[in-house]
Amino acid sequence: MSQPRTEVTRQPIGYWTGEAYRHIAAAIRANLAAAGVTQPQWWMLNHVANGDWTPAALLDRLAPFNANEQHLDLDRELGDLIDRGWLTRAASTQRLRLTPAGEQGLRRARESSGATHRRVIAGVTDEQYDDCIAVLRRIVGNLGGDPSPQ
């Protein structure tokens, strides 16, 4: 005989994952805005800092990130970083590079992101966090998504 379900196990996962997403995304965006970047610009700066990207390849790579973001204009976001002088393109290869201003902006955004992450997981043990991520990845896989880490 199975044990009775607890109040927590009767809670709708769709509601709570949606609420968590909305609150986490709002906190991330607010802290990044205070650091002078949008969330898509944060994605771009991180990718350029850690890889070799042309504008087209970067926009293709970030397209899946945009799926839940009301179809942001990633071209405009990239253009803004170039116009601000945070990114530049090599004349011969069109490869994107961080400028010194972009490196400073990325550093501020990383500090902001770290603060947000610490706020999100306050009071959560490493084991609880690991279990939460493992369960969410399993659910994604169960529903036909890619459960591999990004």
N, C-alpha and C. Protein backbone atom coordinates (compact mmCIF):
# COMPACT_ATOMS: atom_id res chain seq x y z
N MET A 1 0.84 -1.18 0.00
CA MET A 1 0.00 0.00 0.00
C MET A 1 0.89 1.25 0.00
N SER A 2 0.58 2.17 -0.86
CA SER A 2 1.40 3.37 -0.93
C SER A 2 1.00 4.35 0.17
N GLN A 3 1.95 5.19 0.51
CA GLN A 3 1.67 6.19 1.54
C GLN A 3 0.85 7.33 0.96
N PRO A 4 0.08 8.00 1.79
CA PRO A 4 -0.70 9.13 1.30
C PRO A 4 0.22 10.23 0.76
N ARG A 5 -0.25 10.89 -0.27
CA ARG A 5 0.53 11.99 -0.84
C ARG A 5 0.53 13.17 0.12
N THR A 6 1.67 13.81 0.20
CA THR A 6 1.76 14.99 1.07
C THR A 6 1.22 16.20 0.33
N GLU A 7 1.00 17.24 1.07
CA GLU A 7 0.52 18.49 0.46
C GLU A 7 1.46 18.96 -0.64
N VAL A 8 2.76 18.83 -0.43
CA VAL A 8 3.73 19.29 -1.43
C VAL A 8 3.61 18.47 -2.72
N THR A 9 3.45 17.18 -2.62
CA THR A 9 3.39 16.37 -3.83
C THR A 9 2.10 16.58 -4.61
N ARG A 10 1.13 17.24 -4.01
CA ARG A 10 -0.11 17.56 -4.73
C ARG A 10 -0.03 18.90 -5.47
N GLN A 11 1.05 19.61 -5.24
CA GLN A 11 1.21 20.91 -5.88
C GLN A 11 1.48 20.74 -7.38
N PRO A 12 0.94 21.60 -8.22
CA PRO A 12 1.15 21.48 -9.68
C PRO A 12 2.55 21.95 -10.08
N ILE A 13 3.31 21.04 -10.67
CA ILE A 13 4.69 21.37 -11.05
C ILE A 13 4.75 22.47 -12.10
N GLY A 14 3.79 22.47 -13.02
CA GLY A 14 3.79 23.51 -14.05
C GLY A 14 3.66 24.90 -13.44
N TYR A 15 2.81 25.02 -12.44
CA TYR A 15 2.66 26.31 -11.78
C TYR A 15 3.97 26.74 -11.12
N TRP A 16 4.57 25.83 -10.33
CA TRP A 16 5.76 26.20 -9.57
C TRP A 16 6.98 26.40 -10.46
N THR A 17 7.13 25.62 -11.52
CA THR A 17 8.27 25.87 -12.41
C THR A 17 8.07 27.20 -13.14
N GLY A 18 6.83 27.50 -13.51
CA GLY A 18 6.54 28.79 -14.14
C GLY A 18 6.82 29.96 -13.21
N GLU A 19 6.36 29.84 -11.97
CA GLU A 19 6.61 30.90 -10.99
C GLU A 19 8.11 31.06 -10.74
N ALA A 20 8.80 29.94 -10.59
CA ALA A 20 10.25 30.02 -10.37
C ALA A 20 10.92 30.71 -11.56
N TYR A 21 10.56 30.30 -12.77
CA TYR A 21 11.16 30.92 -13.96
C TYR A 21 10.91 32.43 -13.98
N ARG A 22 9.66 32.84 -13.76
CA ARG A 22 9.34 34.27 -13.81
C ARG A 22 10.14 35.06 -12.77
N HIS A 23 10.23 34.55 -11.56
CA HIS A 23 10.96 35.27 -10.51
C HIS A 23 12.46 35.24 -10.73
N ILE A 24 12.99 34.12 -11.13
CA ILE A 24 14.43 34.03 -11.40
C ILE A 24 14.81 34.94 -12.57
N ALA A 25 14.05 34.86 -13.66
CA ALA A 25 14.35 35.70 -14.83
C ALA A 25 14.25 37.18 -14.49
N ALA A 26 13.26 37.57 -13.70
CA ALA A 26 13.12 38.98 -13.31
C ALA A 26 14.32 39.43 -12.48
N ALA A 27 14.77 38.59 -11.55
CA ALA A 27 15.92 38.95 -10.72
C ALA A 27 17.18 39.06 -11.57
N ILE A 28 17.38 38.11 -12.46
CA ILE A 28 18.55 38.14 -13.34
C ILE A 28 18.54 39.41 -14.18
N ARG A 29 17.41 39.69 -14.80
CA ARG A 29 17.32 40.86 -15.70
C ARG A 29 17.52 42.16 -14.95
N ALA A 30 16.95 42.27 -13.74
CA ALA A 30 17.11 43.50 -12.96
C ALA A 30 18.56 43.72 -12.57
N ASN A 31 19.23 42.66 -12.12
CA ASN A 31 20.63 42.81 -11.73
C ASN A 31 21.53 43.08 -12.94
N LEU A 32 21.25 42.44 -14.06
CA LEU A 32 22.05 42.71 -15.26
C LEU A 32 21.82 44.14 -15.74
N ALA A 33 20.59 44.62 -15.67
CA ALA A 33 20.30 46.00 -16.07
C ALA A 33 21.10 46.98 -15.22
N ALA A 34 21.21 46.68 -13.93
CA ALA A 34 22.00 47.54 -13.05
C ALA A 34 23.48 47.52 -13.46
N ALA A 35 23.91 46.42 -14.08
CA ALA A 35 25.30 46.31 -14.56
C ALA A 35 25.45 46.88 -15.97
N GLY A 36 24.34 47.32 -16.58
CA GLY A 36 24.41 47.97 -17.88
C GLY A 36 24.22 47.07 -19.08
N VAL A 37 23.67 45.86 -18.89
CA VAL A 37 23.44 44.96 -20.01
C VAL A 37 22.07 44.32 -19.91
N THR A 38 21.58 43.88 -21.05
CA THR A 38 20.36 43.09 -21.09
C THR A 38 20.75 41.62 -20.97
N GLN A 39 19.78 40.76 -20.73
CA GLN A 39 20.09 39.34 -20.65
C GLN A 39 20.66 38.80 -21.96
N PRO A 40 20.09 39.14 -23.13
CA PRO A 40 20.71 38.66 -24.37
C PRO A 40 22.13 39.19 -24.56
N GLN A 41 22.40 40.41 -24.14
CA GLN A 41 23.76 40.92 -24.25
C GLN A 41 24.70 40.15 -23.33
N TRP A 42 24.21 39.75 -22.18
CA TRP A 42 24.98 38.91 -21.25
C TRP A 42 25.33 37.60 -21.93
N TRP A 43 24.35 36.98 -22.60
CA TRP A 43 24.63 35.73 -23.33
C TRP A 43 25.73 35.96 -24.36
N MET A 44 25.61 37.06 -25.10
CA MET A 44 26.56 37.35 -26.18
C MET A 44 27.96 37.60 -25.64
N LEU A 45 28.06 38.41 -24.62
CA LEU A 45 29.39 38.71 -24.06
C LEU A 45 30.06 37.44 -23.55
N ASN A 46 29.31 36.59 -22.88
CA ASN A 46 29.88 35.33 -22.38
C ASN A 46 30.35 34.44 -23.51
N HIS A 47 29.54 34.32 -24.55
CA HIS A 47 29.93 33.46 -25.67
C HIS A 47 31.17 33.99 -26.37
N VAL A 48 31.21 35.29 -26.62
CA VAL A 48 32.37 35.87 -27.30
C VAL A 48 33.63 35.73 -26.44
N ALA A 49 33.47 35.91 -25.13
CA ALA A 49 34.63 35.77 -24.23
C ALA A 49 35.17 34.36 -24.22
N ASN A 50 34.32 33.38 -24.50
CA ASN A 50 34.71 31.97 -24.38
C ASN A 50 34.78 31.23 -25.71
N GLY A 51 34.73 31.93 -26.83
CA GLY A 51 34.75 31.23 -28.10
C GLY A 51 35.09 32.14 -29.26
N ASP A 52 35.08 31.54 -30.42
CA ASP A 52 35.42 32.23 -31.66
C ASP A 52 34.15 32.30 -32.50
N TRP A 53 33.53 33.47 -32.59
CA TRP A 53 32.21 33.60 -33.20
C TRP A 53 32.16 34.68 -34.26
N THR A 54 31.51 34.36 -35.36
CA THR A 54 31.07 35.40 -36.30
C THR A 54 29.71 35.85 -35.81
N PRO A 55 29.25 37.01 -36.24
CA PRO A 55 27.91 37.43 -35.82
C PRO A 55 26.83 36.40 -36.19
N ALA A 56 26.89 35.86 -37.40
CA ALA A 56 25.86 34.90 -37.83
C ALA A 56 25.89 33.63 -36.98
N ALA A 57 27.09 33.12 -36.71
CA ALA A 57 27.19 31.90 -35.90
C ALA A 57 26.71 32.15 -34.47
N LEU A 58 27.03 33.30 -33.93
CA LEU A 58 26.59 33.63 -32.57
C LEU A 58 25.07 33.72 -32.51
N LEU A 59 24.47 34.39 -33.46
CA LEU A 59 23.01 34.52 -33.47
C LEU A 59 22.34 33.17 -33.65
N ASP A 60 22.92 32.31 -34.47
CA ASP A 60 22.38 30.94 -34.62
C ASP A 60 22.47 30.18 -33.31
N ARG A 61 23.59 30.30 -32.62
CA ARG A 61 23.78 29.59 -31.36
C ARG A 61 22.80 30.07 -30.29
N LEU A 62 22.50 31.37 -30.29
CA LEU A 62 21.63 31.93 -29.26
C LEU A 62 20.14 31.81 -29.57
N ALA A 63 19.81 31.41 -30.78
CA ALA A 63 18.40 31.29 -31.16
C ALA A 63 17.60 30.43 -30.18
N PRO A 64 18.10 29.27 -29.72
CA PRO A 64 17.33 28.48 -28.76
C PRO A 64 17.12 29.18 -27.41
N PHE A 65 18.07 30.02 -27.01
CA PHE A 65 17.92 30.76 -25.75
C PHE A 65 16.74 31.72 -25.86
N ASN A 66 16.48 32.18 -27.05
CA ASN A 66 15.44 33.17 -27.30
C ASN A 66 14.04 32.55 -27.30
N ALA A 67 13.93 31.24 -27.31
CA ALA A 67 12.64 30.57 -27.45
C ALA A 67 11.64 30.99 -26.38
N ASN A 68 12.09 31.20 -25.16
CA ASN A 68 11.19 31.58 -24.07
C ASN A 68 11.17 33.07 -23.79
N GLU A 69 11.77 33.84 -24.64
CA GLU A 69 11.96 35.26 -24.33
C GLU A 69 11.16 36.21 -25.23
N GLN A 70 10.00 35.83 -25.64
CA GLN A 70 9.13 36.68 -26.46
C GLN A 70 9.82 37.22 -27.71
N HIS A 71 10.62 36.41 -28.32
CA HIS A 71 11.23 36.74 -29.61
C HIS A 71 11.99 38.06 -29.57
N LEU A 72 12.98 38.11 -28.73
CA LEU A 72 13.82 39.29 -28.63
C LEU A 72 14.54 39.52 -29.95
N ASP A 73 14.89 40.74 -30.21
CA ASP A 73 15.61 41.08 -31.43
C ASP A 73 17.11 40.95 -31.18
N LEU A 74 17.62 39.74 -31.39
CA LEU A 74 19.02 39.47 -31.09
C LEU A 74 19.96 40.26 -32.00
N ASP A 75 19.55 40.52 -33.24
CA ASP A 75 20.37 41.35 -34.13
C ASP A 75 20.56 42.75 -33.53
N ARG A 76 19.47 43.30 -33.01
CA ARG A 76 19.53 44.64 -32.41
C ARG A 76 20.41 44.62 -31.16
N GLU A 77 20.28 43.57 -30.35
CA GLU A 77 21.09 43.45 -29.13
C GLU A 77 22.58 43.38 -29.48
N LEU A 78 22.92 42.61 -30.50
CA LEU A 78 24.31 42.51 -30.94
C LEU A 78 24.79 43.86 -31.50
N GLY A 79 23.95 44.48 -32.30
CA GLY A 79 24.30 45.79 -32.85
C GLY A 79 24.55 46.82 -31.77
N ASP A 80 23.78 46.76 -30.69
CA ASP A 80 23.97 47.69 -29.59
C ASP A 80 25.34 47.49 -28.93
N LEU A 81 25.73 46.24 -28.74
CA LEU A 81 27.05 45.99 -28.14
C LEU A 81 28.18 46.49 -29.04
N ILE A 82 28.01 46.35 -30.34
CA ILE A 82 29.01 46.86 -31.29
C ILE A 82 29.00 48.38 -31.28
N ASP A 83 27.81 48.99 -31.32
CA ASP A 83 27.70 50.45 -31.30
C ASP A 83 28.25 51.06 -30.01
N ARG A 84 28.09 50.36 -28.90
CA ARG A 84 28.60 50.83 -27.61
C ARG A 84 30.10 50.67 -27.50
N GLY A 85 30.69 49.94 -28.44
CA GLY A 85 32.13 49.71 -28.40
C GLY A 85 32.54 48.59 -27.46
N TRP A 86 31.61 47.70 -27.14
CA TRP A 86 31.91 46.56 -26.27
C TRP A 86 32.38 45.36 -27.07
N LEU A 87 31.94 45.28 -28.31
CA LEU A 87 32.37 44.23 -29.23
C LEU A 87 32.86 44.88 -30.49
N THR A 88 33.80 44.22 -31.12
CA THR A 88 34.29 44.66 -32.42
C THR A 88 34.41 43.44 -33.32
N ARG A 89 34.43 43.69 -34.63
CA ARG A 89 34.60 42.60 -35.60
C ARG A 89 35.94 42.76 -36.27
N ALA A 90 36.66 41.64 -36.38
CA ALA A 90 37.92 41.65 -37.12
C ALA A 90 37.61 41.90 -38.59
N ALA A 91 38.31 42.81 -39.21
CA ALA A 91 38.03 43.18 -40.60
C ALA A 91 38.17 42.00 -41.55
N SER A 92 39.17 41.18 -41.35
CA SER A 92 39.42 40.09 -42.30
C SER A 92 38.52 38.88 -42.10
N THR A 93 38.16 38.57 -40.85
CA THR A 93 37.41 37.34 -40.57
C THR A 93 35.99 37.58 -40.08
N GLN A 94 35.68 38.81 -39.71
CA GLN A 94 34.40 39.17 -39.11
C GLN A 94 34.18 38.52 -37.74
N ARG A 95 35.22 37.93 -37.18
CA ARG A 95 35.12 37.31 -35.85
C ARG A 95 34.91 38.40 -34.80
N LEU A 96 34.03 38.14 -33.85
CA LEU A 96 33.74 39.08 -32.79
C LEU A 96 34.80 38.99 -31.70
N ARG A 97 35.15 40.15 -31.14
CA ARG A 97 36.10 40.22 -30.03
C ARG A 97 35.58 41.22 -29.01
N LEU A 98 35.86 40.93 -27.73
CA LEU A 98 35.56 41.90 -26.68
C LEU A 98 36.57 43.02 -26.73
N THR A 99 36.11 44.24 -26.54
CA THR A 99 37.01 45.38 -26.39
C THR A 99 37.30 45.53 -24.89
N PRO A 100 38.23 46.41 -24.51
CA PRO A 100 38.43 46.64 -23.08
C PRO A 100 37.14 47.08 -22.37
N ALA A 101 36.33 47.91 -23.02
CA ALA A 101 35.06 48.31 -22.42
C ALA A 101 34.13 47.10 -22.28
N GLY A 102 34.15 46.22 -23.26
CA GLY A 102 33.34 45.01 -23.19
C GLY A 102 33.81 44.07 -22.09
N GLU A 103 35.13 43.99 -21.90
CA GLU A 103 35.66 43.17 -20.81
C GLU A 103 35.22 43.72 -19.46
N GLN A 104 35.23 45.05 -19.31
CA GLN A 104 34.76 45.65 -18.05
C GLN A 104 33.27 45.40 -17.85
N GLY A 105 32.50 45.56 -18.92
CA GLY A 105 31.07 45.29 -18.83
C GLY A 105 30.78 43.85 -18.48
N LEU A 106 31.52 42.94 -19.09
CA LEU A 106 31.34 41.52 -18.78
C LEU A 106 31.71 41.24 -17.33
N ARG A 107 32.75 41.85 -16.84
CA ARG A 107 33.16 41.66 -15.44
C ARG A 107 32.05 42.14 -14.49
N ARG A 108 31.48 43.31 -14.77
CA ARG A 108 30.37 43.81 -13.94
C ARG A 108 29.17 42.87 -14.02
N ALA A 109 28.86 42.39 -15.22
CA ALA A 109 27.72 41.49 -15.39
C ALA A 109 27.96 40.16 -14.67
N ARG A 110 29.18 39.67 -14.69
CA ARG A 110 29.49 38.42 -13.98
C ARG A 110 29.33 38.60 -12.47
N GLU A 111 29.77 39.73 -11.96
CA GLU A 111 29.58 39.99 -10.54
C GLU A 111 28.09 40.06 -10.20
N SER A 112 27.33 40.72 -11.04
CA SER A 112 25.89 40.82 -10.84
C SER A 112 25.22 39.45 -10.91
N SER A 113 25.63 38.67 -11.89
CA SER A 113 25.07 37.33 -12.05
C SER A 113 25.38 36.46 -10.85
N GLY A 114 26.59 36.57 -10.33
CA GLY A 114 26.96 35.81 -9.14
C GLY A 114 26.11 36.20 -7.95
N ALA A 115 25.86 37.49 -7.79
CA ALA A 115 25.02 37.96 -6.69
C ALA A 115 23.60 37.42 -6.84
N THR A 116 23.10 37.42 -8.06
CA THR A 116 21.75 36.89 -8.30
C THR A 116 21.70 35.41 -7.96
N HIS A 117 22.70 34.66 -8.41
CA HIS A 117 22.72 33.22 -8.14
C HIS A 117 22.74 32.95 -6.63
N ARG A 118 23.55 33.71 -5.91
CA ARG A 118 23.61 33.52 -4.46
C ARG A 118 22.26 33.83 -3.81
N ARG A 119 21.56 34.84 -4.32
CA ARG A 119 20.23 35.18 -3.81
C ARG A 119 19.23 34.06 -4.11
N VAL A 120 19.29 33.53 -5.31
CA VAL A 120 18.37 32.47 -5.72
C VAL A 120 18.52 31.23 -4.85
N ILE A 121 19.76 30.87 -4.53
CA ILE A 121 19.98 29.61 -3.81
C ILE A 121 20.16 29.79 -2.30
N ALA A 122 19.91 30.99 -1.79
CA ALA A 122 20.04 31.22 -0.34
C ALA A 122 19.18 30.21 0.42
N GLY A 123 19.79 29.53 1.39
CA GLY A 123 19.08 28.56 2.19
C GLY A 123 18.91 27.20 1.55
N VAL A 124 19.44 27.01 0.35
CA VAL A 124 19.37 25.74 -0.36
C VAL A 124 20.74 25.08 -0.28
N THR A 125 20.77 23.84 0.18
CA THR A 125 22.06 23.14 0.25
C THR A 125 22.52 22.75 -1.16
N ASP A 126 23.81 22.47 -1.28
CA ASP A 126 24.33 22.00 -2.56
C ASP A 126 23.60 20.73 -3.00
N GLU A 127 23.35 19.84 -2.06
CA GLU A 127 22.65 18.59 -2.39
C GLU A 127 21.23 18.87 -2.89
N GLN A 128 20.52 19.77 -2.25
CA GLN A 128 19.17 20.12 -2.70
C GLN A 128 19.19 20.74 -4.09
N TYR A 129 20.15 21.61 -4.32
CA TYR A 129 20.27 22.24 -5.63
C TYR A 129 20.56 21.19 -6.70
N ASP A 130 21.52 20.32 -6.43
CA ASP A 130 21.85 19.24 -7.37
C ASP A 130 20.63 18.37 -7.66
N ASP A 131 19.89 18.01 -6.60
CA ASP A 131 18.68 17.19 -6.77
C ASP A 131 17.63 17.92 -7.61
N CYS A 132 17.47 19.20 -7.36
CA CYS A 132 16.49 20.00 -8.12
C CYS A 132 16.84 20.01 -9.60
N ILE A 133 18.10 20.28 -9.91
CA ILE A 133 18.53 20.32 -11.31
C ILE A 133 18.37 18.94 -11.95
N ALA A 134 18.73 17.89 -11.23
CA ALA A 134 18.60 16.53 -11.76
C ALA A 134 17.13 16.20 -12.05
N VAL A 135 16.24 16.57 -11.16
CA VAL A 135 14.81 16.30 -11.37
C VAL A 135 14.29 17.10 -12.58
N LEU A 136 14.65 18.36 -12.67
CA LEU A 136 14.19 19.17 -13.80
C LEU A 136 14.73 18.63 -15.12
N ARG A 137 15.99 18.21 -15.14
CA ARG A 137 16.55 17.62 -16.36
C ARG A 137 15.80 16.34 -16.73
N ARG A 138 15.47 15.53 -15.75
CA ARG A 138 14.72 14.30 -16.01
C ARG A 138 13.34 14.64 -16.60
N ILE A 139 12.68 15.62 -16.03
CA ILE A 139 11.36 16.02 -16.53
C ILE A 139 11.47 16.51 -17.97
N VAL A 140 12.48 17.33 -18.25
CA VAL A 140 12.69 17.81 -19.63
C VAL A 140 12.87 16.63 -20.57
N GLY A 141 13.71 15.68 -20.19
CA GLY A 141 13.91 14.49 -21.02
C GLY A 141 12.64 13.67 -21.18
N ASN A 142 11.88 13.52 -20.10
CA ASN A 142 10.61 12.78 -20.17
C ASN A 142 9.65 13.39 -21.17
N LEU A 143 9.74 14.71 -21.34
CA LEU A 143 8.83 15.41 -22.24
C LEU A 143 9.41 15.64 -23.63
N GLY A 144 10.52 14.96 -23.92
CA GLY A 144 11.07 15.01 -25.26
C GLY A 144 12.11 16.08 -25.49
N GLY A 145 12.46 16.83 -24.44
CA GLY A 145 13.49 17.87 -24.59
C GLY A 145 14.87 17.28 -24.39
N ASP A 146 15.85 18.12 -24.56
CA ASP A 146 17.26 17.72 -24.41
C ASP A 146 17.68 17.95 -22.97
N PRO A 147 17.88 16.88 -22.20
CA PRO A 147 18.24 17.07 -20.79
C PRO A 147 19.73 17.28 -20.55
N SER A 148 20.53 17.37 -21.61
CA SER A 148 21.97 17.55 -21.41
C SER A 148 22.26 18.97 -20.97
N PRO A 149 23.34 19.15 -20.22
CA PRO A 149 23.67 20.51 -19.76
C PRO A 149 24.01 21.41 -20.94
N GLN A 150 23.69 22.68 -20.78
CA GLN A 150 23.97 23.67 -21.82
C GLN A 150 25.39 24.15 -21.71
